[in-house]
């Protein structure tokens, strides 16, 4: 798996257009899956709490929240989490 299970579970909570049967792939367009601006803020808080990190201003850009891969990459850079 590209990211850990906790990340996928948290992310799926904020993607109302993605069903449980739908695959969450590294290049899934999060906006198309239902991640709007309010959900982005809520997801940000959930990720910060779950991983005990603080997203810095340079990470708070649309590109970070474009796909699971871009978001995981930003999170991984803050936590040193493994991609395996």
PDB file of N, CA and C in Angstrom:
ATOM      1  N   UNK A   1       0.848  -1.187   0.000  1.00  0.00           N
ATOM      2  CA  UNK A   1       0.000   0.000   0.000  1.00  0.00           C
ATOM      3  C   UNK A   1       0.887   1.242   0.000  1.00  0.00           C
ATOM      4  N   UNK A   2       0.434   2.227  -0.656  1.00  0.00           N
ATOM      5  CA  UNK A   2       1.191   3.466  -0.811  1.00  0.00           C
ATOM      6  C   UNK A   2       1.285   4.249   0.499  1.00  0.00           C
ATOM      7  N   UNK A   3       0.235   4.208   1.317  1.00  0.00           N
ATOM      8  CA  UNK A   3       0.177   4.944   2.580  1.00  0.00           C
ATOM      9  C   UNK A   3      -0.362   4.013   3.653  1.00  0.00           C
ATOM     10  N   UNK A   4      -0.383   4.485   4.899  1.00  0.00           N
ATOM     11  CA  UNK A   4      -0.860   3.615   5.968  1.00  0.00           C
ATOM     12  C   UNK A   4      -2.388   3.612   6.050  1.00  0.00           C
ATOM     13  N   UNK A   5      -2.910   2.633   6.736  1.00  0.00           N
ATOM     14  CA  UNK A   5      -4.355   2.430   6.815  1.00  0.00           C
ATOM     15  C   UNK A   5      -5.054   3.600   7.495  1.00  0.00           C
ATOM     16  N   UNK A   6      -4.450   4.148   8.521  1.00  0.00           N
ATOM     17  CA  UNK A   6      -5.041   5.280   9.241  1.00  0.00           C
ATOM     18  C   UNK A   6      -5.265   6.462   8.290  1.00  0.00           C
ATOM     19  N   UNK A   7      -4.289   6.745   7.433  1.00  0.00           N
ATOM     20  CA  UNK A   7      -4.418   7.840   6.470  1.00  0.00           C
ATOM     21  C   UNK A   7      -5.610   7.604   5.549  1.00  0.00           C
ATOM     22  N   UNK A   8      -5.715   6.403   5.012  1.00  0.00           N
ATOM     23  CA  UNK A   8      -6.823   6.119   4.088  1.00  0.00           C
ATOM     24  C   UNK A   8      -8.170   6.221   4.799  1.00  0.00           C
ATOM     25  N   UNK A   9      -8.255   5.707   5.996  1.00  0.00           N
ATOM     26  CA  UNK A   9      -9.520   5.777   6.735  1.00  0.00           C
ATOM     27  C   UNK A   9      -9.915   7.219   7.013  1.00  0.00           C
ATOM     28  N   UNK A  10      -8.964   8.040   7.444  1.00  0.00           N
ATOM     29  CA  UNK A  10      -9.250   9.454   7.694  1.00  0.00           C
ATOM     30  C   UNK A  10      -9.669  10.159   6.415  1.00  0.00           C
ATOM     31  N   UNK A  11      -8.920   9.946   5.359  1.00  0.00           N
ATOM     32  CA  UNK A  11      -9.193  10.617   4.099  1.00  0.00           C
ATOM     33  C   UNK A  11     -10.573  10.248   3.565  1.00  0.00           C
ATOM     34  N   UNK A  12     -10.908   8.981   3.614  1.00  0.00           N
ATOM     35  CA  UNK A  12     -12.212   8.531   3.107  1.00  0.00           C
ATOM     36  C   UNK A  12     -13.382   9.197   3.830  1.00  0.00           C
ATOM     37  N   UNK A  13     -13.214   9.555   5.091  1.00  0.00           N
ATOM     38  CA  UNK A  13     -14.270  10.227   5.843  1.00  0.00           C
ATOM     39  C   UNK A  13     -14.664  11.558   5.210  1.00  0.00           C
ATOM     40  N   UNK A  14     -13.760  12.166   4.459  1.00  0.00           N
ATOM     41  CA  UNK A  14     -13.988  13.489   3.880  1.00  0.00           C
ATOM     42  C   UNK A  14     -14.241  13.439   2.374  1.00  0.00           C
ATOM     43  N   UNK A  15     -14.474  12.249   1.841  1.00  0.00           N
ATOM     44  CA  UNK A  15     -14.705  12.067   0.405  1.00  0.00           C
ATOM     45  C   UNK A  15     -16.084  11.454   0.174  1.00  0.00           C
ATOM     46  N   UNK A  16     -17.132  12.267   0.216  1.00  0.00           N
ATOM     47  CA  UNK A  16     -18.494  11.734   0.143  1.00  0.00           C
ATOM     48  C   UNK A  16     -18.849  11.081  -1.192  1.00  0.00           C
ATOM     49  N   UNK A  17     -18.148  11.405  -2.260  1.00  0.00           N
ATOM     50  CA  UNK A  17     -18.467  10.826  -3.562  1.00  0.00           C
ATOM     51  C   UNK A  17     -17.738   9.511  -3.815  1.00  0.00           C
ATOM     52  N   UNK A  18     -16.903   9.096  -2.882  1.00  0.00           N
ATOM     53  CA  UNK A  18     -16.141   7.853  -3.018  1.00  0.00           C
ATOM     54  C   UNK A  18     -16.816   6.795  -2.144  1.00  0.00           C
ATOM     55  N   UNK A  19     -17.327   5.746  -2.765  1.00  0.00           N
ATOM     56  CA  UNK A  19     -17.986   4.691  -2.001  1.00  0.00           C
ATOM     57  C   UNK A  19     -16.945   3.751  -1.401  1.00  0.00           C
ATOM     58  N   UNK A  20     -17.391   2.927  -0.489  1.00  0.00           N
ATOM     59  CA  UNK A  20     -16.492   1.957   0.142  1.00  0.00           C
ATOM     60  C   UNK A  20     -15.910   0.996  -0.886  1.00  0.00           C
ATOM     61  N   UNK A  21     -16.642   0.748  -1.977  1.00  0.00           N
ATOM     62  CA  UNK A  21     -16.171  -0.161  -3.017  1.00  0.00           C
ATOM     63  C   UNK A  21     -15.183   0.502  -3.978  1.00  0.00           C
ATOM     64  N   UNK A  22     -15.176   1.838  -4.018  1.00  0.00           N
ATOM     65  CA  UNK A  22     -14.277   2.560  -4.925  1.00  0.00           C
ATOM     66  C   UNK A  22     -12.848   2.506  -4.395  1.00  0.00           C
ATOM     67  N   UNK A  23     -11.915   2.293  -5.298  1.00  0.00           N
ATOM     68  CA  UNK A  23     -10.503   2.325  -4.931  1.00  0.00           C
ATOM     69  C   UNK A  23     -10.064   3.764  -4.723  1.00  0.00           C
ATOM     70  N   UNK A  24      -9.249   3.956  -3.719  1.00  0.00           N
ATOM     71  CA  UNK A  24      -8.589   5.234  -3.508  1.00  0.00           C
ATOM     72  C   UNK A  24      -7.173   5.057  -4.027  1.00  0.00           C
ATOM     73  N   UNK A  25      -6.907   5.636  -5.187  1.00  0.00           N
ATOM     74  CA  UNK A  25      -5.603   5.480  -5.823  1.00  0.00           C
ATOM     75  C   UNK A  25      -4.747   6.716  -5.561  1.00  0.00           C
ATOM     76  N   UNK A  26      -3.445   6.610  -5.749  1.00  0.00           N
ATOM     77  CA  UNK A  26      -2.576   7.759  -5.524  1.00  0.00           C
ATOM     78  C   UNK A  26      -2.979   8.994  -6.333  1.00  0.00           C
ATOM     79  N   UNK A  27      -3.563   8.797  -7.516  1.00  0.00           N
ATOM     80  CA  UNK A  27      -3.910   9.939  -8.361  1.00  0.00           C
ATOM     81  C   UNK A  27      -5.404  10.280  -8.375  1.00  0.00           C
ATOM     82  N   UNK A  28      -6.174   9.747  -7.422  1.00  0.00           N
ATOM     83  CA  UNK A  28      -7.583  10.122  -7.303  1.00  0.00           C
ATOM     84  C   UNK A  28      -7.670  11.631  -7.093  1.00  0.00           C
ATOM     85  N   UNK A  29      -8.487  12.303  -7.867  1.00  0.00           N
ATOM     86  CA  UNK A  29      -8.691  13.747  -7.698  1.00  0.00           C
ATOM     87  C   UNK A  29      -9.589  13.963  -6.483  1.00  0.00           C
ATOM     88  N   UNK A  30      -9.026  14.499  -5.415  1.00  0.00           N
ATOM     89  CA  UNK A  30      -9.779  14.626  -4.176  1.00  0.00           C
ATOM     90  C   UNK A  30     -10.974  15.561  -4.319  1.00  0.00           C
ATOM     91  N   UNK A  31     -10.846  16.603  -5.090  1.00  0.00           N
ATOM     92  CA  UNK A  31     -11.971  17.511  -5.301  1.00  0.00           C
ATOM     93  C   UNK A  31     -13.117  16.784  -6.003  1.00  0.00           C
ATOM     94  N   UNK A  32     -12.795  15.968  -7.001  1.00  0.00           N
ATOM     95  CA  UNK A  32     -13.822  15.201  -7.707  1.00  0.00           C
ATOM     96  C   UNK A  32     -14.480  14.176  -6.793  1.00  0.00           C
ATOM     97  N   UNK A  33     -13.747  13.715  -5.770  1.00  0.00           N
ATOM     98  CA  UNK A  33     -14.283  12.741  -4.822  1.00  0.00           C
ATOM     99  C   UNK A  33     -15.077  13.413  -3.707  1.00  0.00           C
ATOM    100  N   UNK A  34     -15.174  14.748  -3.753  1.00  0.00           N
ATOM    101  CA  UNK A  34     -16.026  15.474  -2.820  1.00  0.00           C
ATOM    102  C   UNK A  34     -15.320  16.293  -1.761  1.00  0.00           C
ATOM    103  N   UNK A  35     -14.005  16.416  -1.840  1.00  0.00           N
ATOM    104  CA  UNK A  35     -13.281  17.218  -0.850  1.00  0.00           C
ATOM    105  C   UNK A  35     -13.449  18.701  -1.183  1.00  0.00           C
ATOM    106  N   UNK A  36     -14.303  19.378  -0.422  1.00  0.00           N
ATOM    107  CA  UNK A  36     -14.502  20.809  -0.642  1.00  0.00           C
ATOM    108  C   UNK A  36     -13.655  21.598   0.364  1.00  0.00           C
ATOM    109  N   UNK A  37     -13.796  22.911   0.359  1.00  0.00           N
ATOM    110  CA  UNK A  37     -12.920  23.735   1.195  1.00  0.00           C
ATOM    111  C   UNK A  37     -13.155  23.494   2.685  1.00  0.00           C
ATOM    112  N   UNK A  38     -14.395  23.334   3.106  1.00  0.00           N
ATOM    113  CA  UNK A  38     -14.666  23.066   4.514  1.00  0.00           C
ATOM    114  C   UNK A  38     -14.106  21.707   4.920  1.00  0.00           C
ATOM    115  N   UNK A  39     -14.314  20.708   4.088  1.00  0.00           N
ATOM    116  CA  UNK A  39     -13.786  19.375   4.371  1.00  0.00           C
ATOM    117  C   UNK A  39     -12.260  19.386   4.407  1.00  0.00           C
ATOM    118  N   UNK A  40     -11.636  20.207   3.581  1.00  0.00           N
ATOM    119  CA  UNK A  40     -10.175  20.310   3.579  1.00  0.00           C
ATOM    120  C   UNK A  40      -9.677  20.804   4.927  1.00  0.00           C
ATOM    121  N   UNK A  41     -10.332  21.824   5.477  1.00  0.00           N
ATOM    122  CA  UNK A  41      -9.944  22.357   6.780  1.00  0.00           C
ATOM    123  C   UNK A  41     -10.146  21.303   7.867  1.00  0.00           C
ATOM    124  N   UNK A  42     -11.272  20.595   7.805  1.00  0.00           N
ATOM    125  CA  UNK A  42     -11.542  19.555   8.796  1.00  0.00           C
ATOM    126  C   UNK A  42     -10.545  18.402   8.670  1.00  0.00           C
ATOM    127  N   UNK A  43     -10.239  18.013   7.442  1.00  0.00           N
ATOM    128  CA  UNK A  43      -9.257  16.956   7.211  1.00  0.00           C
ATOM    129  C   UNK A  43      -7.895  17.375   7.727  1.00  0.00           C
ATOM    130  N   UNK A  44      -7.519  18.594   7.491  1.00  0.00           N
ATOM    131  CA  UNK A  44      -6.246  19.117   7.964  1.00  0.00           C
ATOM    132  C   UNK A  44      -6.136  18.954   9.477  1.00  0.00           C
ATOM    133  N   UNK A  45      -7.171  19.349  10.192  1.00  0.00           N
ATOM    134  CA  UNK A  45      -7.180  19.210  11.649  1.00  0.00           C
ATOM    135  C   UNK A  45      -7.106  17.752  12.081  1.00  0.00           C
ATOM    136  N   UNK A  46      -7.834  16.888  11.382  1.00  0.00           N
ATOM    137  CA  UNK A  46      -7.828  15.463  11.720  1.00  0.00           C
ATOM    138  C   UNK A  46      -6.446  14.855  11.493  1.00  0.00           C
ATOM    139  N   UNK A  47      -5.804  15.215  10.396  1.00  0.00           N
ATOM    140  CA  UNK A  47      -4.467  14.692  10.115  1.00  0.00           C
ATOM    141  C   UNK A  47      -3.453  15.206  11.132  1.00  0.00           C
ATOM    142  N   UNK A  48      -3.554  16.487  11.475  1.00  0.00           N
ATOM    143  CA  UNK A  48      -2.631  17.042  12.464  1.00  0.00           C
ATOM    144  C   UNK A  48      -2.782  16.330  13.808  1.00  0.00           C
ATOM    145  N   UNK A  49      -4.015  16.052  14.203  1.00  0.00           N
ATOM    146  CA  UNK A  49      -4.254  15.366  15.468  1.00  0.00           C
ATOM    147  C   UNK A  49      -3.788  13.910  15.411  1.00  0.00           C
ATOM    148  N   UNK A  50      -4.095  13.224  14.332  1.00  0.00           N
ATOM    149  CA  UNK A  50      -3.770  11.802  14.217  1.00  0.00           C
ATOM    150  C   UNK A  50      -2.272  11.553  14.131  1.00  0.00           C
ATOM    151  N   UNK A  51      -1.554  12.452  13.455  1.00  0.00           N
ATOM    152  CA  UNK A  51      -0.118  12.239  13.233  1.00  0.00           C
ATOM    153  C   UNK A  51       0.762  13.148  14.087  1.00  0.00           C
ATOM    154  N   UNK A  52       0.132  13.962  14.945  1.00  0.00           N
ATOM    155  CA  UNK A  52       0.873  14.862  15.828  1.00  0.00           C
ATOM    156  C   UNK A  52       1.864  15.719  15.046  1.00  0.00           C
ATOM    157  N   UNK A  53       1.329  16.387  14.022  1.00  0.00           N
ATOM    158  CA  UNK A  53       2.131  17.289  13.194  1.00  0.00           C
ATOM    159  C   UNK A  53       1.392  18.609  13.060  1.00  0.00           C
ATOM    160  N   UNK A  54       2.078  19.588  12.508  1.00  0.00           N
ATOM    161  CA  UNK A  54       1.484  20.881  12.202  1.00  0.00           C
ATOM    162  C   UNK A  54       1.849  21.217  10.767  1.00  0.00           C
ATOM    163  N   UNK A  55       0.841  21.360   9.915  1.00  0.00           N
ATOM    164  CA  UNK A  55       1.090  21.751   8.536  1.00  0.00           C
ATOM    165  C   UNK A  55       1.585  23.194   8.515  1.00  0.00           C
ATOM    166  N   UNK A  56       2.737  23.409   7.942  1.00  0.00           N
ATOM    167  CA  UNK A  56       3.300  24.746   7.816  1.00  0.00           C
ATOM    168  C   UNK A  56       2.629  25.475   6.649  1.00  0.00           C
ATOM    169  N   UNK A  57       2.739  26.774   6.642  1.00  0.00           N
ATOM    170  CA  UNK A  57       2.086  27.581   5.613  1.00  0.00           C
ATOM    171  C   UNK A  57       2.427  27.129   4.201  1.00  0.00           C
ATOM    172  N   UNK A  58       3.683  26.730   3.977  1.00  0.00           N
ATOM    173  CA  UNK A  58       4.089  26.333   2.624  1.00  0.00           C
ATOM    174  C   UNK A  58       3.380  25.059   2.161  1.00  0.00           C
ATOM    175  N   UNK A  59       2.836  24.278   3.082  1.00  0.00           N
ATOM    176  CA  UNK A  59       2.099  23.059   2.711  1.00  0.00           C
ATOM    177  C   UNK A  59       0.618  23.341   2.484  1.00  0.00           C
ATOM    178  N   UNK A  60       0.160  24.516   2.884  1.00  0.00           N
ATOM    179  CA  UNK A  60      -1.258  24.848   2.777  1.00  0.00           C
ATOM    180  C   UNK A  60      -1.551  25.488   1.425  1.00  0.00           C
ATOM    181  N   UNK A  61      -1.479  24.663   0.396  1.00  0.00           N
ATOM    182  CA  UNK A  61      -1.745  25.122  -0.958  1.00  0.00           C
ATOM    183  C   UNK A  61      -2.596  24.065  -1.665  1.00  0.00           C
ATOM    184  N   UNK A  62      -3.319  24.451  -2.681  1.00  0.00           N
ATOM    185  CA  UNK A  62      -4.206  23.494  -3.364  1.00  0.00           C
ATOM    186  C   UNK A  62      -3.497  22.243  -3.860  1.00  0.00           C
ATOM    187  N   UNK A  63      -2.258  22.369  -4.293  1.00  0.00           N
ATOM    188  CA  UNK A  63      -1.527  21.226  -4.819  1.00  0.00           C
ATOM    189  C   UNK A  63      -1.344  20.132  -3.771  1.00  0.00           C
ATOM    190  N   UNK A  64      -1.199  20.518  -2.518  1.00  0.00           N
ATOM    191  CA  UNK A  64      -1.016  19.547  -1.439  1.00  0.00           C
ATOM    192  C   UNK A  64      -2.250  18.660  -1.302  1.00  0.00           C
ATOM    193  N   UNK A  65      -3.420  19.243  -1.517  1.00  0.00           N
ATOM    194  CA  UNK A  65      -4.684  18.538  -1.323  1.00  0.00           C
ATOM    195  C   UNK A  65      -5.309  18.089  -2.640  1.00  0.00           C
ATOM    196  N   UNK A  66      -4.507  17.984  -3.688  1.00  0.00           N
ATOM    197  CA  UNK A  66      -5.030  17.608  -5.006  1.00  0.00           C
ATOM    198  C   UNK A  66      -5.304  16.110  -5.114  1.00  0.00           C
ATOM    199  N   UNK A  67      -4.396  15.301  -4.595  1.00  0.00           N
ATOM    200  CA  UNK A  67      -4.512  13.840  -4.700  1.00  0.00           C
ATOM    201  C   UNK A  67      -4.059  13.204  -3.385  1.00  0.00           C
ATOM    202  N   UNK A  68      -4.424  11.953  -3.142  1.00  0.00           N
ATOM    203  CA  UNK A  68      -3.892  11.276  -1.965  1.00  0.00           C
ATOM    204  C   UNK A  68      -2.361  11.238  -1.955  1.00  0.00           C
ATOM    205  N   UNK A  69      -1.758  11.044  -3.116  1.00  0.00           N
ATOM    206  CA  UNK A  69      -0.294  10.972  -3.187  1.00  0.00           C
ATOM    207  C   UNK A  69       0.352  12.289  -2.760  1.00  0.00           C
ATOM    208  N   UNK A  70      -0.185  13.409  -3.212  1.00  0.00           N
ATOM    209  CA  UNK A  70       0.409  14.702  -2.847  1.00  0.00           C
ATOM    210  C   UNK A  70       0.211  14.992  -1.364  1.00  0.00           C
ATOM    211  N   UNK A  71      -0.941  14.633  -0.841  1.00  0.00           N
ATOM    212  CA  UNK A  71      -1.212  14.861   0.580  1.00  0.00           C
ATOM    213  C   UNK A  71      -0.357  13.940   1.447  1.00  0.00           C
ATOM    214  N   UNK A  72      -0.253  12.682   1.066  1.00  0.00           N
ATOM    215  CA  UNK A  72       0.583  11.745   1.816  1.00  0.00           C
ATOM    216  C   UNK A  72       2.043  12.176   1.762  1.00  0.00           C
ATOM    217  N   UNK A  73       2.491  12.661   0.619  1.00  0.00           N
ATOM    218  CA  UNK A  73       3.867  13.127   0.493  1.00  0.00           C
ATOM    219  C   UNK A  73       4.167  14.269   1.445  1.00  0.00           C
ATOM    220  N   UNK A  74       3.231  15.212   1.555  1.00  0.00           N
ATOM    221  CA  UNK A  74       3.422  16.328   2.478  1.00  0.00           C
ATOM    222  C   UNK A  74       3.421  15.832   3.921  1.00  0.00           C
ATOM    223  N   UNK A  75       2.500  14.952   4.235  1.00  0.00           N
ATOM    224  CA  UNK A  75       2.423  14.404   5.585  1.00  0.00           C
ATOM    225  C   UNK A  75       3.660  13.589   5.917  1.00  0.00           C
ATOM    226  N   UNK A  76       4.095  12.767   4.986  1.00  0.00           N
ATOM    227  CA  UNK A  76       5.279  11.932   5.186  1.00  0.00           C
ATOM    228  C   UNK A  76       6.521  12.804   5.432  1.00  0.00           C
ATOM    229  N   UNK A  77       6.612  13.906   4.726  1.00  0.00           N
ATOM    230  CA  UNK A  77       7.783  14.779   4.910  1.00  0.00           C
ATOM    231  C   UNK A  77       7.817  15.384   6.317  1.00  0.00           C
ATOM    232  N   UNK A  78       6.644  15.501   6.940  1.00  0.00           N
ATOM    233  CA  UNK A  78       6.593  16.041   8.297  1.00  0.00           C
ATOM    234  C   UNK A  78       6.791  14.980   9.357  1.00  0.00           C
ATOM    235  N   UNK A  79       6.460  13.748   9.045  1.00  0.00           N
ATOM    236  CA  UNK A  79       6.497  12.691  10.061  1.00  0.00           C
ATOM    237  C   UNK A  79       7.637  11.703   9.866  1.00  0.00           C
ATOM    238  N   UNK A  80       8.182  11.665   8.659  1.00  0.00           N
ATOM    239  CA  UNK A  80       9.185  10.650   8.348  1.00  0.00           C
ATOM    240  C   UNK A  80       8.563   9.285   8.169  1.00  0.00           C
ATOM    241  N   UNK A  81       7.226   9.244   7.919  1.00  0.00           N
ATOM    242  CA  UNK A  81       6.520   7.966   7.777  1.00  0.00           C
ATOM    243  C   UNK A  81       7.014   7.220   6.540  1.00  0.00           C
ATOM    244  N   UNK A  82       6.973   5.934   6.611  1.00  0.00           N
ATOM    245  CA  UNK A  82       7.382   5.078   5.497  1.00  0.00           C
ATOM    246  C   UNK A  82       6.262   4.975   4.490  1.00  0.00           C
ATOM    247  N   UNK A  83       6.608   4.779   3.236  1.00  0.00           N
ATOM    248  CA  UNK A  83       5.593   4.593   2.203  1.00  0.00           C
ATOM    249  C   UNK A  83       5.258   3.133   2.014  1.00  0.00           C
ATOM    250  N   UNK A  84       5.852   2.243   2.766  1.00  0.00           N
ATOM    251  CA  UNK A  84       5.576   0.815   2.587  1.00  0.00           C
ATOM    252  C   UNK A  84       4.421   0.366   3.433  1.00  0.00           C
TER     253      UNK A  84
END
